[in-house]
Protein backbone atom coordinates (compact mmCIF):
# COMPACT_ATOMS: atom_id res chain seq x y z
CA UNK A 1 0.00 0.00 0.00
CA UNK A 2 2.76 2.40 0.93
CA UNK A 3 4.51 1.61 -2.34
CA UNK A 4 1.33 2.53 -4.26
CA UNK A 5 1.00 5.87 -2.40
CA UNK A 6 4.65 6.72 -3.00
CA UNK A 7 4.34 5.91 -6.67
CA UNK A 8 1.23 8.13 -6.95
CA UNK A 9 2.95 11.00 -5.20
CA UNK A 10 5.98 10.69 -7.46
CA UNK A 11 3.72 10.74 -10.51
CA UNK A 12 1.93 13.90 -9.34
CA UNK A 13 5.23 15.65 -8.70
CA UNK A 14 6.51 14.71 -12.15
CA UNK A 15 3.34 15.94 -13.87
CA UNK A 16 3.43 19.24 -11.93
CA UNK A 17 7.05 19.78 -12.88
CA UNK A 18 6.25 19.08 -16.52
CA UNK A 19 3.43 21.66 -16.53
CA UNK A 20 5.61 24.15 -14.72
CA UNK A 21 8.02 24.03 -17.65
CA UNK A 22 5.15 25.09 -19.93
CA UNK A 23 3.98 28.04 -17.76
CA UNK A 24 6.00 31.31 -17.94
CA UNK A 25 7.61 32.28 -14.71
CA UNK A 26 5.92 35.71 -14.88
CA UNK A 27 3.13 37.39 -16.83
CA UNK A 28 4.31 39.66 -19.65
CA UNK A 29 4.41 43.37 -18.79
CA UNK A 30 1.36 45.26 -20.12
CA UNK A 31 1.93 47.16 -23.34
CA UNK A 32 2.71 50.85 -22.80
CA UNK A 33 0.23 53.01 -24.73
CA UNK A 34 1.58 56.44 -25.56
CA UNK A 35 -0.93 59.28 -25.22
CA UNK A 36 -2.21 60.72 -28.46
CA UNK A 37 -0.25 63.79 -29.48
CA UNK A 38 -2.00 67.02 -28.51
CA UNK A 39 -3.26 69.22 -31.27
CA UNK A 40 -1.36 72.51 -31.38
CA UNK A 41 -3.13 75.26 -29.47
CA UNK A 42 -5.20 77.53 -31.67
CA UNK A 43 -3.50 80.89 -31.95
CA UNK A 44 -5.93 83.79 -32.02
CA UNK A 45 -4.91 87.39 -32.58
CA UNK A 46 -6.70 90.66 -31.90
CA UNK A 47 -5.01 93.01 -34.37
CA UNK A 48 -4.12 96.62 -33.65
CA UNK A 49 -4.76 99.39 -36.13
CA UNK A 50 -3.44 102.96 -36.19
CA UNK A 51 -4.02 105.76 -38.64
CA UNK A 52 -1.41 108.21 -39.86
CA UNK A 53 -0.78 110.93 -37.32
CA UNK A 54 -1.50 114.53 -38.19
CA UNK A 55 2.20 115.47 -37.79
CA UNK A 56 1.23 118.96 -36.77
CA UNK A 57 1.27 120.55 -33.37
CA UNK A 58 -2.12 120.77 -31.74
CA UNK A 59 -5.23 118.60 -31.72
CA UNK A 60 -5.06 114.84 -32.25
CA UNK A 61 -6.33 113.02 -35.32
CA UNK A 62 -8.35 109.90 -34.48
CA UNK A 63 -10.69 107.49 -36.20
CA UNK A 64 -13.92 106.59 -34.44
CA UNK A 65 -15.28 103.16 -35.35
CA UNK A 66 -18.51 101.60 -34.14
CA UNK A 67 -19.76 98.03 -34.35
CA UNK A 68 -23.46 97.49 -35.02
CA UNK A 69 -23.71 93.81 -34.14
CA UNK A 70 -27.35 92.99 -33.36
CA UNK A 71 -30.13 94.73 -31.47
CA UNK A 72 -31.27 98.30 -31.99
CA UNK A 73 -29.56 101.57 -32.86
CA UNK A 74 -28.36 103.66 -29.93
CA UNK A 75 -29.92 107.04 -30.65
CA UNK A 76 -27.83 108.71 -27.94
CA UNK A 77 -24.73 108.05 -30.05
CA UNK A 78 -26.25 108.38 -33.50
CA UNK A 79 -27.92 111.73 -32.79
CA UNK A 80 -24.68 113.09 -31.30
CA UNK A 81 -22.69 112.09 -34.38
CA UNK A 82 -25.18 113.84 -36.64
CA UNK A 83 -25.61 116.93 -34.47
CA UNK A 84 -21.87 117.42 -33.96
CA UNK A 85 -21.09 116.48 -37.61
CA UNK A 86 -18.50 113.88 -36.62
CA UNK A 87 -17.20 111.59 -39.42
CA UNK A 88 -17.32 107.96 -38.37
CA UNK A 89 -16.80 104.43 -39.70
CA UNK A 90 -19.56 102.02 -38.72
CA UNK A 91 -19.34 98.24 -39.13
CA UNK A 92 -22.79 96.71 -39.68
CA UNK A 93 -24.03 93.13 -39.76
CA UNK A 94 -26.77 91.92 -42.08
CA UNK A 95 -28.89 91.17 -39.02
CA UNK A 96 -28.57 94.71 -37.66
CA UNK A 97 -29.37 96.32 -41.01
CA UNK A 98 -32.56 94.31 -41.27
CA UNK A 99 -33.76 95.46 -37.86
CA UNK A 100 -32.83 99.15 -38.13
CA UNK A 101 -34.23 100.76 -41.28
CA UNK A 102 -34.55 104.17 -39.60
CA UNK A 103 -30.85 104.25 -38.72
CA UNK A 104 -29.97 103.07 -42.22
CA UNK A 105 -31.93 106.03 -43.59
CA UNK A 106 -29.84 108.39 -41.43
CA UNK A 107 -26.66 106.85 -42.79
CA UNK A 108 -27.80 107.23 -46.37
CA UNK A 109 -28.85 110.85 -45.76
CA UNK A 110 -25.39 111.74 -44.39
CA UNK A 111 -22.81 110.22 -46.75
CA UNK A 112 -20.28 112.88 -45.73
CA UNK A 113 -20.33 111.57 -42.15
CA UNK A 114 -20.83 107.84 -42.29
CA UNK A 115 -18.57 105.28 -43.88
CA UNK A 116 -20.36 101.91 -43.67
CA UNK A 117 -18.27 98.75 -43.59
CA UNK A 118 -18.74 95.00 -43.19
CA UNK A 119 -19.25 93.36 -39.78
CA UNK A 120 -20.45 90.06 -41.24
CA UNK A 121 -23.69 88.29 -41.99
CA UNK A 122 -24.58 86.76 -38.63
CA UNK A 123 -21.96 88.14 -36.21
CA UNK A 124 -19.88 84.95 -36.22
CA UNK A 125 -16.17 85.12 -35.30
CA UNK A 126 -14.02 84.90 -38.43
CA UNK A 127 -11.97 81.94 -37.27
CA UNK A 128 -11.71 78.94 -39.59
CA UNK A 129 -11.20 76.35 -36.84
CA UNK A 130 -14.04 75.31 -34.50
CA UNK A 131 -13.74 77.06 -31.13
CA UNK A 132 -15.64 79.32 -28.73
CA UNK A 133 -14.74 82.97 -28.27
CA UNK A 134 -16.52 84.72 -25.40
CA UNK A 135 -19.06 81.90 -25.68
CA UNK A 136 -19.71 82.52 -29.39
CA UNK A 137 -19.07 79.62 -31.79
CA UNK A 138 -16.58 80.49 -34.51
CA UNK A 139 -17.25 80.07 -38.21
CA UNK A 140 -15.19 76.89 -38.00
CA UNK A 141 -14.09 76.43 -41.62
CA UNK A 142 -12.72 78.52 -44.50
CA UNK A 143 -16.03 78.13 -46.31
CA UNK A 144 -17.98 79.44 -43.32
CA UNK A 145 -15.60 82.40 -42.95
CA UNK A 146 -16.16 83.26 -46.60
CA UNK A 147 -19.94 83.02 -46.16
CA UNK A 148 -19.83 85.32 -43.14
CA UNK A 149 -17.88 87.93 -45.08
CA UNK A 150 -19.71 87.64 -48.39
CA UNK A 151 -23.13 87.46 -46.74
CA UNK A 152 -22.49 90.69 -44.87
CA UNK A 153 -21.33 92.47 -48.01
CA UNK A 154 -24.31 91.26 -50.03
CA UNK A 155 -26.73 92.56 -47.39
CA UNK A 156 -25.07 95.97 -47.47
CA UNK A 157 -25.32 96.29 -51.23
CA UNK A 158 -28.95 95.11 -51.14
CA UNK A 159 -29.68 97.87 -48.60
CA UNK A 160 -28.35 100.52 -50.98
CA UNK A 161 -24.92 100.94 -49.39
CA UNK A 162 -21.66 101.00 -51.37
CA UNK A 163 -19.66 97.75 -51.53
CA UNK A 164 -17.48 97.55 -48.40
CA UNK A 165 -13.69 97.60 -48.38
CA UNK A 166 -13.09 96.91 -44.70
CA UNK A 167 -14.10 93.92 -42.59
CA UNK A 168 -14.21 93.50 -38.83
CA UNK A 169 -15.32 90.14 -37.50
CA UNK A 170 -17.33 89.41 -34.40
CA UNK A 171 -15.16 89.64 -31.24
CA UNK A 172 -12.38 91.25 -33.37
CA UNK A 173 -10.38 88.03 -33.00
CA UNK A 174 -9.04 85.89 -35.86
CA UNK A 175 -6.68 83.05 -36.58
CA UNK A 176 -3.87 83.83 -38.98
CA UNK A 177 -5.18 81.60 -41.75
CA UNK A 178 -8.56 83.36 -41.69
CA UNK A 179 -6.79 86.72 -41.93
CA UNK A 180 -5.09 85.48 -45.09
CA UNK A 181 -8.39 84.27 -46.51
CA UNK A 182 -10.17 87.56 -45.86
CA UNK A 183 -7.30 89.58 -47.27
CA UNK A 184 -7.38 87.40 -50.39
CA UNK A 185 -11.02 88.43 -50.80
CA UNK A 186 -9.85 92.03 -51.15
CA UNK A 187 -10.64 93.34 -47.66
CA UNK A 188 -8.58 95.27 -45.19
CA UNK A 189 -9.21 94.03 -41.66
CA UNK A 190 -10.01 96.65 -39.05
CA UNK A 191 -8.28 96.27 -35.75
CA UNK A 192 -8.18 99.10 -33.21
CA UNK A 193 -5.93 100.73 -30.64
CA UNK A 194 -8.43 101.96 -28.02
CA UNK A 195 -11.24 99.79 -26.66
CA UNK A 196 -13.71 102.48 -25.78
CA UNK A 197 -16.60 100.65 -24.13
CA UNK A 198 -15.41 97.12 -23.37
CA UNK A 199 -17.94 95.54 -25.67
CA UNK A 200 -20.58 98.01 -24.42
CA UNK A 201 -20.28 96.47 -20.94
CA UNK A 202 -18.47 99.31 -19.15
CA UNK A 203 -20.10 102.06 -17.16
CA UNK A 204 -20.70 105.53 -18.56
CA UNK A 205 -17.89 107.20 -16.64
CA UNK A 206 -15.08 104.81 -17.54
CA UNK A 207 -16.26 104.70 -21.16
CA UNK A 208 -16.14 108.48 -21.40
CA UNK A 209 -12.61 108.57 -19.94
CA UNK A 210 -11.32 105.82 -22.23
CA UNK A 211 -12.56 107.43 -25.43
CA UNK A 212 -11.68 110.98 -24.42
CA UNK A 213 -8.10 109.84 -23.75
CA UNK A 214 -7.53 108.81 -27.40
CA UNK A 215 -4.26 110.14 -28.79
CA UNK A 216 -3.05 111.20 -32.22
CA UNK A 217 -3.27 108.20 -34.57
CA UNK A 218 -5.61 106.10 -32.45
CA UNK A 219 -8.48 103.99 -33.79
CA UNK A 220 -11.29 103.73 -31.25
CA UNK A 221 -13.76 100.84 -31.17
CA UNK A 222 -17.15 101.16 -29.47
CA UNK A 223 -20.69 99.91 -30.05
CA UNK A 224 -23.79 101.61 -31.41
CA UNK A 225 -26.25 98.74 -30.91
CA UNK A 226 -26.94 98.70 -27.16
CA UNK A 227 -29.30 101.58 -26.36
CA UNK A 228 -30.09 100.22 -22.87
CA UNK A 229 -26.46 99.98 -21.74
CA UNK A 230 -24.84 102.72 -19.67
CA UNK A 231 -21.80 102.72 -21.94
CA UNK A 232 -23.72 104.54 -24.67
CA UNK A 233 -24.14 107.59 -22.46
CA UNK A 234 -20.39 107.66 -21.90
CA UNK A 235 -19.71 107.37 -25.63
CA UNK A 236 -21.96 110.33 -26.43
CA UNK A 237 -20.29 112.48 -23.76
CA UNK A 238 -16.81 111.52 -24.96
CA UNK A 239 -17.65 112.61 -28.50
CA UNK A 240 -18.54 116.07 -27.23
CA UNK A 241 -15.39 116.12 -25.07
CA UNK A 242 -13.16 115.28 -28.02
CA UNK A 243 -14.75 117.84 -30.29
CA UNK A 244 -14.34 120.53 -27.65
CA UNK A 245 -10.60 119.73 -27.59
CA UNK A 246 -10.43 120.35 -31.33
CA UNK A 247 -9.91 116.69 -32.25
CA UNK A 248 -9.75 115.94 -35.96
CA UNK A 249 -12.08 113.04 -36.77
CA UNK A 250 -11.42 110.93 -39.86
CA UNK A 251 -12.95 107.82 -41.39
CA UNK A 252 -10.78 104.79 -42.13
CA UNK A 253 -11.13 105.27 -45.86
CA UNK A 254 -9.90 108.86 -45.71
CA UNK A 255 -6.41 108.35 -44.29
CA UNK A 256 -3.44 106.00 -44.41
CA UNK A 257 -3.25 103.29 -41.78
CA UNK A 258 -1.03 100.59 -40.33
CA UNK A 259 -2.35 97.27 -39.07
CA UNK A 260 -0.42 94.41 -37.53
CA UNK A 261 -0.72 90.66 -38.24
CA UNK A 262 -0.80 91.44 -41.99
CA UNK A 263 -4.33 92.84 -41.72
CA UNK A 264 -3.73 95.82 -44.00
CA UNK A 265 -0.54 95.02 -45.94
């Protein structure tokens, strides 16, 4: 009996040893998966623009520019521009033109004051890669950028305005490839050097101080489409302040300019 048990035990040990030769001593190390390469960060620019200085001692020469994005016309600003006879460049969207026929009539009645330029069809940032800018979805492709620009221009011509030569996109931010595309369409791109009203979100007092502090050669950006915002009151006061100082007001089309990021070259 003992011989049988010993023989069985020997057999089990032999079988276990044989299987042990077939089993790897350790599990293979898990494969190392490299993380996917990150897409390069989207570079957005907010171009500056200056006009030629007066080069004479005395009052400054500045260009006032206004964006008419959506909403209604701010009569506080518009009536001041007309009353004070202040030349201005206004960037209009197709959407704003459709909603403000009375303001359009004022523009058409005062061609010596108002230079109307292109702010796009639907106020979409002219960026040809999908992204969000201040919560606004960009055009997202070269085709969509072209549609935004061409749609805005077509609406202007349909409203009886001259074909535009300048473009300023929503948020005034662009990627470099979109700048090249817009320039290839024949437009100069309007940056600025003084942000007058912080997107129409600043108070009246700070808006007035910002605009009234404009220096020789500055291009001021403000908004003329938010009649319920306090900023509009500050804009109107600043216009009177500047005129009282003897400021020379010019439109973008009336003077030489210099823009960075190849926006006007």
